[in-house]
Amino acid sequence: MLVTGRATLYRLFDVGYEIDLAHAGRLLASGAPERTVPLRGEARAIVIPNPPLTVMLGVESLELSGGTIDATVSASLFDFGVTSLRLTVVPREPVAWDDFAGWGVALDADRYAGIFERRLAELLDRVRPAIVRPIVSPVMEDYTVFRVTRLMQDDGRSVGPGLLDDGHVAPLLLNERRALTEEARRALLPHRFSYTPQDLAVLSWDAALVIEPVVEDFDVELILEIANAQILELRVFDAMLDGELRSMYERIGAARRRARLLPGRRYRTLLAGLHALVADTTEVVERVENALKVTNDVFLARMYTAALQLFRAAAWRSGIDRKLGIVRETYAMLNAEAQAARSETLEMVIVLLILIELILGLV
C-alpha cells in the first residue's frame, strides 16, 4: 500500500494559571488566530465552553533521514493555562506503508526540543499580557498523530482502512516490528474506532493513527489534543501538590518553633497559604474537567473517553483528590490547634485579671 498523509508532533506546556483567550487573540491578530471547534454534525453532542485559540507560527526545517524537510509550526492556547505546540511534517510524495512507519518512528519530539523551546519563548513574548500568573512548568506532555488522507495500491486504486491490521499499526505506533501475541495486541492497541468504512482511528498511550479522507476534518485530532491538555494540567497540579506537601511539613515545624506573643496567630500565614492552595487547585481542576462536556454517546465522545482512559486520567485525578484531602485535614488540624491556643490564652488572661482584682481588693 501507498500512503498520503502527514505526522504532527505535539508538545504541550503549562504556562500559567489562566490565559485570557480573547486578549491573546488580539495580541496574535497578525497570525490570523481562530477558535477551533469540531465540525461534524455529531459534534453537537460535544460542548466546548471556551474553544482553544489556534495560530500559525511559521515554518521550520527539520533534519530527517539524512535530509531536510519543512515542517509547519502552529499552537493552540487553552484557557486553563496550557499551550500546545505542533510540528506538522508532510512527506513530499506518497510512500509505501513500511516506509511511512519507519519515517514516522524517526520523528521524535525530543530531537526537536530546541525548536519547541524557541517557538514557545517567542509565543510567550507576544501573549504574556494575556496570561495570569505566567510561569512555565517543567512538566510537559508529548503526543504524535499520524494522519492518513488516502490509502492506495501501487496502481493508484484507493483502498479502505479495513486492510490494515495490528501488524501494520504496531510498527508505526509502538515502534515494534516483531510479531505480537494476541494478548499483547489487546493490551497495547485496545482502541480502534471507525465511523464510516473509509475512516479509522487507532489510539495508543503516546501516539495515534487517524485515517480520514476528508482533508478539512480535524475533529479527532482536536479531541485528542484537548485530552492531552487536560492530562498535562492534572500532572502539573499533582506535581505541585507533591512539592507543597513536602514544604508544608517543614513550614509547620518552623512555625511551631517560632516564639509568638499570641500563640493563636502562629499559623496565620500558613493557614492562609493552604486555603489559597486548595481554592486554586479546585478551581483549575474544575475548569480543566469542564473544558469538554459530552452530552451524548457519539463516536467522538467514545474516542475522547477512551483517550482519557489510556492516559490514566482517573488515576491522576484520584491522586490530586487524595493530596487535597491531606491538605484539608492539615488545615483543619492547624486551625483547631490555633483555636485551642486562643482559648488557652483567653483563659490565662481571665485568670490573671481575677488575680489582679483580688490583689487590688486586699490592698
Protein backbone atom coordinates (compact mmCIF):
# COMPACT_ATOMS: atom_id res chain seq x y z
CA MET A 1 0.00 0.00 0.00
CA LEU A 2 0.98 3.60 -0.64
CA VAL A 3 0.18 6.33 1.86
CA THR A 4 -0.66 10.01 1.51
CA GLY A 5 -0.52 11.63 4.90
CA ARG A 6 1.44 13.57 7.47
CA ALA A 7 2.64 13.45 11.05
CA THR A 8 2.09 16.03 13.79
CA LEU A 9 4.30 16.19 16.86
CA TYR A 10 2.61 17.77 19.86
CA ARG A 11 4.49 19.17 22.84
CA LEU A 12 2.24 20.71 25.48
CA PHE A 13 3.35 23.16 28.17
CA ASP A 14 1.67 24.64 31.22
CA VAL A 15 2.48 28.36 31.00
CA GLY A 16 0.38 29.93 33.74
CA TYR A 17 -2.69 29.87 35.91
CA GLU A 18 -5.05 31.08 33.17
CA ILE A 19 -4.99 32.51 29.63
CA ASP A 20 -7.44 35.20 28.55
CA LEU A 21 -8.09 33.86 25.06
CA ALA A 22 -9.91 36.97 23.85
CA HIS A 23 -6.96 39.15 24.87
CA ALA A 24 -4.49 36.63 23.39
CA GLY A 25 -6.42 36.69 20.11
CA ARG A 26 -5.98 40.45 19.88
CA LEU A 27 -2.26 40.15 20.64
CA LEU A 28 -1.88 37.48 17.92
CA ALA A 29 -4.01 39.25 15.34
CA SER A 30 -1.19 39.27 12.77
CA GLY A 31 -1.18 35.45 12.76
CA ALA A 32 -4.91 35.22 11.95
CA PRO A 33 -5.83 33.21 15.07
CA GLU A 34 -9.09 31.27 15.14
CA ARG A 35 -11.17 29.42 17.73
CA THR A 36 -11.22 25.69 16.94
CA VAL A 37 -14.38 23.62 17.37
CA PRO A 38 -15.46 20.21 15.96
CA LEU A 39 -17.15 20.41 12.57
CA ARG A 40 -19.03 17.11 12.22
CA GLY A 41 -22.77 17.00 12.65
CA GLU A 42 -22.45 14.67 15.61
CA ALA A 43 -20.19 17.24 17.30
CA ARG A 44 -23.33 18.96 18.59
CA ALA A 45 -23.20 16.34 21.35
CA ILE A 46 -19.79 17.73 22.42
CA VAL A 47 -19.73 21.08 24.19
CA ILE A 48 -16.50 23.09 24.44
CA PRO A 49 -17.42 26.14 26.55
CA ASN A 50 -14.22 28.04 25.72
CA PRO A 51 -12.71 26.69 22.47
CA PRO A 52 -8.91 26.81 22.17
CA LEU A 53 -7.24 29.57 20.19
CA THR A 54 -5.16 28.28 17.24
CA VAL A 55 -2.48 30.31 15.48
CA MET A 56 0.14 29.60 12.81
CA LEU A 57 3.72 30.39 13.85
CA GLY A 58 5.78 29.72 10.71
CA VAL A 59 7.94 27.05 9.08
CA GLU A 60 10.98 25.12 10.35
CA SER A 61 13.49 22.90 8.50
CA LEU A 62 13.94 19.53 10.20
CA GLU A 63 16.78 17.08 9.80
CA LEU A 64 15.19 13.74 8.97
CA SER A 65 16.55 10.54 7.41
CA GLY A 66 19.72 12.18 6.20
CA GLY A 67 17.96 15.14 4.60
CA THR A 68 15.87 18.16 5.44
CA ILE A 69 12.13 18.59 5.29
CA ASP A 70 9.92 21.58 6.04
CA ALA A 71 7.53 21.48 8.97
CA THR A 72 4.78 23.97 9.74
CA VAL A 73 4.63 25.23 13.32
CA SER A 74 1.34 26.10 14.98
CA ALA A 75 0.00 26.44 18.50
CA SER A 76 -3.23 26.05 20.44
CA LEU A 77 -3.87 28.04 23.63
CA PHE A 78 -6.30 26.76 26.27
CA ASP A 79 -7.96 28.97 28.84
CA PHE A 80 -6.76 26.81 31.76
CA GLY A 81 -3.13 27.78 31.09
CA VAL A 82 -1.91 25.15 28.60
CA THR A 83 -0.16 25.87 25.30
CA SER A 84 0.13 23.10 22.71
CA LEU A 85 2.89 23.50 20.13
CA ARG A 86 2.66 21.42 16.94
CA LEU A 87 5.20 20.46 14.28
CA THR A 88 3.43 19.10 11.20
CA VAL A 89 5.53 17.22 8.63
CA VAL A 90 4.25 16.08 5.23
CA PRO A 91 6.20 13.59 3.05
CA ARG A 92 6.99 15.01 -0.37
CA GLU A 93 5.17 12.21 -2.18
CA PRO A 94 3.08 9.10 -1.42
CA VAL A 95 5.24 6.48 0.28
CA ALA A 96 4.92 2.77 0.93
CA TRP A 97 3.33 1.86 4.26
CA ASP A 98 6.53 0.33 5.68
CA ASP A 99 8.48 3.45 4.72
CA PHE A 100 5.77 5.64 6.26
CA ALA A 101 6.04 3.67 9.50
CA GLY A 102 9.83 3.98 9.56
CA TRP A 103 9.61 7.68 8.73
CA GLY A 104 7.07 8.23 11.50
CA VAL A 105 9.14 6.44 14.12
CA ALA A 106 12.15 8.63 13.23
CA LEU A 107 10.11 11.70 14.21
CA ASP A 108 10.78 12.29 17.90
CA ALA A 109 9.79 15.41 19.81
CA ASP A 110 12.96 15.23 21.91
CA ARG A 111 15.07 15.61 18.75
CA TYR A 112 13.41 18.95 18.12
CA ALA A 113 13.25 20.17 21.71
CA GLY A 114 15.24 23.28 20.78
CA ILE A 115 12.65 24.26 18.17
CA PHE A 116 9.80 23.80 20.64
CA GLU A 117 11.55 25.85 23.34
CA ARG A 118 12.43 28.68 20.97
CA ARG A 119 8.95 28.85 19.48
CA LEU A 120 7.39 28.75 22.95
CA ALA A 121 9.57 31.66 24.09
CA GLU A 122 8.58 33.67 21.01
CA LEU A 123 4.89 32.93 21.56
CA LEU A 124 5.01 33.82 25.26
CA ASP A 125 6.70 37.13 24.46
CA ARG A 126 3.64 38.00 22.36
CA VAL A 127 0.85 36.77 24.64
CA ARG A 128 2.34 37.31 28.12
CA PRO A 129 -0.07 40.18 28.95
CA ALA A 130 -2.96 37.73 28.46
CA ILE A 131 -1.54 35.15 30.92
CA VAL A 132 -2.49 35.25 34.59
CA ARG A 133 0.48 34.39 36.84
CA PRO A 134 2.78 33.34 33.96
CA ILE A 135 5.28 30.59 34.77
CA VAL A 136 6.34 27.62 32.63
CA SER A 137 6.08 24.30 34.45
CA PRO A 138 8.86 21.71 33.95
CA VAL A 139 6.14 19.09 33.38
CA MET A 140 5.42 18.55 29.66
CA GLU A 141 3.28 16.22 27.59
CA ASP A 142 4.23 14.76 24.17
CA TYR A 143 1.94 13.11 21.66
CA THR A 144 2.13 12.20 17.97
CA VAL A 145 -0.74 11.88 15.49
CA PHE A 146 -0.19 10.17 12.14
CA ARG A 147 -2.89 11.41 9.78
CA VAL A 148 -3.59 9.48 6.57
CA THR A 149 -5.86 11.01 3.96
CA ARG A 150 -5.53 8.27 1.35
CA LEU A 151 -4.51 4.62 1.15
CA MET A 152 -3.94 3.17 -2.31
CA GLN A 153 -2.36 0.31 -4.13
CA ASP A 154 0.63 0.86 -6.37
CA ASP A 155 -1.68 1.13 -9.40
CA GLY A 156 -3.37 4.18 -7.80
CA ARG A 157 -6.63 2.47 -6.74
CA SER A 158 -7.87 3.65 -3.34
CA VAL A 159 -8.35 1.02 -0.65
CA GLY A 160 -10.14 1.12 2.67
CA PRO A 161 -8.53 1.04 6.12
CA GLY A 162 -10.01 -2.40 6.70
CA LEU A 163 -6.87 -3.84 5.09
CA LEU A 164 -4.77 -2.53 7.99
CA ASP A 165 -4.30 -4.99 10.82
CA ASP A 166 -2.24 -4.77 14.00
CA GLY A 167 0.78 -6.00 12.06
CA HIS A 168 0.68 -2.75 10.06
CA VAL A 169 -0.14 -0.49 13.01
CA ALA A 170 2.30 -1.83 15.62
CA PRO A 171 5.49 -0.69 13.81
CA LEU A 172 4.05 2.83 13.48
CA LEU A 173 2.51 3.38 16.92
CA LEU A 174 4.65 1.07 19.05
CA ASN A 175 7.94 1.03 17.11
CA GLU A 176 7.66 -2.74 17.29
CA ARG A 177 8.40 -4.82 14.19
CA ARG A 178 8.25 -8.21 15.87
CA ALA A 179 5.03 -10.21 15.70
CA LEU A 180 2.93 -9.59 18.80
CA THR A 181 0.77 -12.09 20.61
CA GLU A 182 -2.96 -11.53 20.70
CA GLU A 183 -2.73 -10.70 24.41
CA ALA A 184 -0.06 -8.03 23.74
CA ARG A 185 -2.11 -6.55 20.91
CA ARG A 186 -5.17 -6.27 23.14
CA ALA A 187 -3.14 -4.60 25.87
CA LEU A 188 -1.13 -2.19 23.70
CA LEU A 189 -3.66 -1.40 20.96
CA PRO A 190 -7.03 -1.81 22.64
CA HIS A 191 -8.88 1.05 20.97
CA ARG A 192 -9.91 1.07 17.29
CA PHE A 193 -12.73 3.32 16.11
CA SER A 194 -14.49 3.62 12.76
CA TYR A 195 -17.39 5.91 11.92
CA THR A 196 -17.61 5.08 8.20
CA PRO A 197 -15.97 2.30 6.13
CA GLN A 198 -13.43 4.88 4.93
CA ASP A 199 -12.10 6.11 8.28
CA LEU A 200 -10.23 4.58 11.19
CA ALA A 201 -8.65 5.80 14.43
CA VAL A 202 -6.27 3.68 16.48
CA LEU A 203 -5.12 5.06 19.82
CA SER A 204 -2.10 4.25 21.93
CA TRP A 205 -0.80 5.99 25.04
CA ASP A 206 1.65 8.27 23.20
CA ALA A 207 0.55 8.19 19.53
CA ALA A 208 -2.49 7.74 17.33
CA LEU A 209 -3.20 6.77 13.74
CA VAL A 210 -6.07 8.70 12.16
CA ILE A 211 -7.29 7.73 8.69
CA GLU A 212 -9.76 10.33 7.44
CA PRO A 213 -10.28 11.04 3.72
CA VAL A 214 -11.94 14.44 4.34
CA VAL A 215 -8.93 16.74 4.39
CA GLU A 216 -10.68 19.53 6.32
CA ASP A 217 -11.86 17.20 9.11
CA PHE A 218 -9.59 17.60 12.14
CA ASP A 219 -12.17 16.64 14.79
CA VAL A 220 -10.31 13.56 16.01
CA GLU A 221 -7.04 15.48 16.33
CA LEU A 222 -8.86 18.24 18.28
CA ILE A 223 -10.39 15.75 20.70
CA LEU A 224 -7.01 14.09 21.30
CA GLU A 225 -5.30 17.46 21.78
CA ILE A 226 -7.88 18.53 24.39
CA ALA A 227 -7.48 15.22 26.22
CA ASN A 228 -3.69 15.65 26.28
CA ALA A 229 -4.04 19.23 27.54
CA GLN A 230 -6.29 18.05 30.36
CA ILE A 231 -3.87 15.29 31.33
CA LEU A 232 -0.96 17.73 31.35
CA GLU A 233 -2.80 20.08 33.72
CA LEU A 234 -3.66 17.19 36.06
CA ARG A 235 0.00 16.11 36.03
CA VAL A 236 1.16 19.67 36.73
CA PHE A 237 -1.09 20.04 39.76
CA ASP A 238 -0.22 16.57 41.00
CA ALA A 239 3.49 17.50 40.92
CA MET A 240 2.76 20.88 42.51
CA LEU A 241 0.86 19.26 45.37
CA ASP A 242 3.76 16.83 45.92
CA GLY A 243 6.08 19.81 46.39
CA GLU A 244 3.59 21.66 48.57
CA LEU A 245 3.14 18.66 50.87
CA ARG A 246 6.89 18.35 51.38
CA SER A 247 7.31 22.04 52.14
CA MET A 248 4.14 22.15 54.25
CA TYR A 249 5.57 19.84 56.90
CA GLU A 250 8.75 21.91 57.07
CA ARG A 251 6.75 25.13 57.46
CA ILE A 252 4.61 23.61 60.21
CA GLY A 253 7.75 22.63 62.15
CA ALA A 254 9.23 26.10 61.68
CA ALA A 255 6.00 27.77 62.82
CA ARG A 256 5.86 25.64 65.98
CA ARG A 257 9.44 26.51 66.89
CA ARG A 258 8.82 30.23 66.36
CA ALA A 259 8.05 32.14 69.57
CA ARG A 260 4.90 34.24 69.40
CA LEU A 261 3.38 36.70 71.87
CA LEU A 262 -0.02 35.43 70.72
CA PRO A 263 0.31 31.64 70.07
CA GLY A 264 -3.10 31.55 68.37
CA ARG A 265 -1.70 33.57 65.45
CA ARG A 266 1.27 31.24 64.93
CA TYR A 267 -0.23 29.52 61.87
CA ARG A 268 -1.99 32.53 60.37
CA THR A 269 0.21 32.84 57.26
CA LEU A 270 0.42 29.07 56.81
CA LEU A 271 -3.36 28.64 57.04
CA ALA A 272 -3.93 31.42 54.50
CA GLY A 273 -1.50 29.72 52.10
CA LEU A 274 -3.18 26.31 52.49
CA HIS A 275 -6.60 27.83 51.93
CA ALA A 276 -5.42 29.56 48.73
CA LEU A 277 -3.76 26.33 47.51
CA VAL A 278 -6.96 24.31 47.92
CA ALA A 279 -9.07 27.03 46.29
CA ASP A 280 -6.74 27.49 43.29
CA THR A 281 -6.32 23.76 42.69
CA THR A 282 -10.03 23.05 42.96
CA GLU A 283 -10.90 25.89 40.59
CA VAL A 284 -8.38 24.95 37.91
CA VAL A 285 -9.14 21.21 38.04
CA GLU A 286 -12.84 22.01 37.73
CA ARG A 287 -12.13 24.26 34.74
CA VAL A 288 -9.98 21.55 33.15
CA GLU A 289 -12.64 18.87 33.52
CA ASN A 290 -15.30 21.21 32.10
CA ALA A 291 -13.16 22.09 29.05
CA LEU A 292 -15.11 19.47 27.10
CA LYS A 293 -18.54 18.16 28.02
CA VAL A 294 -20.17 15.13 26.42
CA THR A 295 -23.97 15.20 26.20
CA ASN A 296 -24.48 12.01 24.18
CA ASP A 297 -22.67 8.73 23.49
CA VAL A 298 -21.47 9.51 19.97
CA PHE A 299 -18.37 8.41 18.05
CA LEU A 300 -16.15 11.33 19.12
CA ALA A 301 -17.38 11.05 22.71
CA ARG A 302 -16.39 7.39 22.90
CA MET A 303 -12.99 8.21 21.46
CA TYR A 304 -12.49 11.01 24.00
CA THR A 305 -13.44 8.69 26.86
CA ALA A 306 -11.04 6.01 25.58
CA ALA A 307 -8.22 8.57 25.32
CA LEU A 308 -8.72 9.67 28.93
CA GLN A 309 -8.72 6.02 29.97
CA LEU A 310 -5.47 5.40 28.09
CA PHE A 311 -3.87 8.48 29.64
CA ARG A 312 -5.00 7.32 33.12
CA ALA A 313 -6.93 10.49 33.86
CA ALA A 314 -8.85 8.83 36.70
CA ALA A 315 -5.59 7.86 38.45
CA TRP A 316 -4.20 11.41 38.17
CA ARG A 317 -7.45 12.89 39.46
CA SER A 318 -7.57 10.39 42.32
CA GLY A 319 -4.03 11.36 43.32
CA ILE A 320 -4.94 15.05 43.32
CA ASP A 321 -8.06 14.40 45.41
CA ARG A 322 -6.04 12.37 47.91
CA LYS A 323 -3.41 15.10 48.30
CA LEU A 324 -6.05 17.80 48.57
CA GLY A 325 -7.63 15.69 51.31
CA ILE A 326 -4.32 15.70 53.20
CA VAL A 327 -4.06 19.48 52.82
CA ARG A 328 -7.64 19.96 54.07
CA GLU A 329 -7.05 17.67 57.06
CA THR A 330 -3.84 19.54 57.87
CA TYR A 331 -5.69 22.85 57.61
CA ALA A 332 -8.41 21.59 59.98
CA MET A 333 -5.80 20.28 62.44
CA LEU A 334 -3.78 23.52 62.47
CA ASN A 335 -6.93 25.62 62.71
CA ALA A 336 -8.13 23.55 65.67
CA GLU A 337 -4.69 23.89 67.29
CA ALA A 338 -4.79 27.66 66.75
CA GLN A 339 -8.30 27.85 68.23
CA ALA A 340 -7.15 25.85 71.26
CA ALA A 341 -4.18 28.18 71.71
CA ARG A 342 -6.50 31.21 71.56
CA SER A 343 -8.82 29.65 74.13
CA GLU A 344 -5.89 28.86 76.42
CA THR A 345 -4.56 32.40 76.09
CA LEU A 346 -8.01 33.82 76.85
CA GLU A 347 -8.32 31.61 79.94
CA MET A 348 -4.90 32.76 81.17
CA VAL A 349 -5.91 36.41 80.67
CA ILE A 350 -9.14 35.85 82.62
CA VAL A 351 -7.27 34.16 85.49
CA LEU A 352 -4.72 36.97 85.50
CA LEU A 353 -7.47 39.61 85.67
CA ILE A 354 -9.13 37.77 88.58
CA LEU A 355 -5.81 37.65 90.43
CA ILE A 356 -5.25 41.35 89.84
CA GLU A 357 -8.76 42.12 91.10
CA LEU A 358 -8.18 40.03 94.25
CA ILE A 359 -4.82 41.69 94.92
CA LEU A 360 -6.34 45.15 94.47
CA GLY A 361 -9.19 44.17 96.82
CA LEU A 362 -6.75 43.00 99.50
CA VAL A 363 -4.63 46.13 99.18
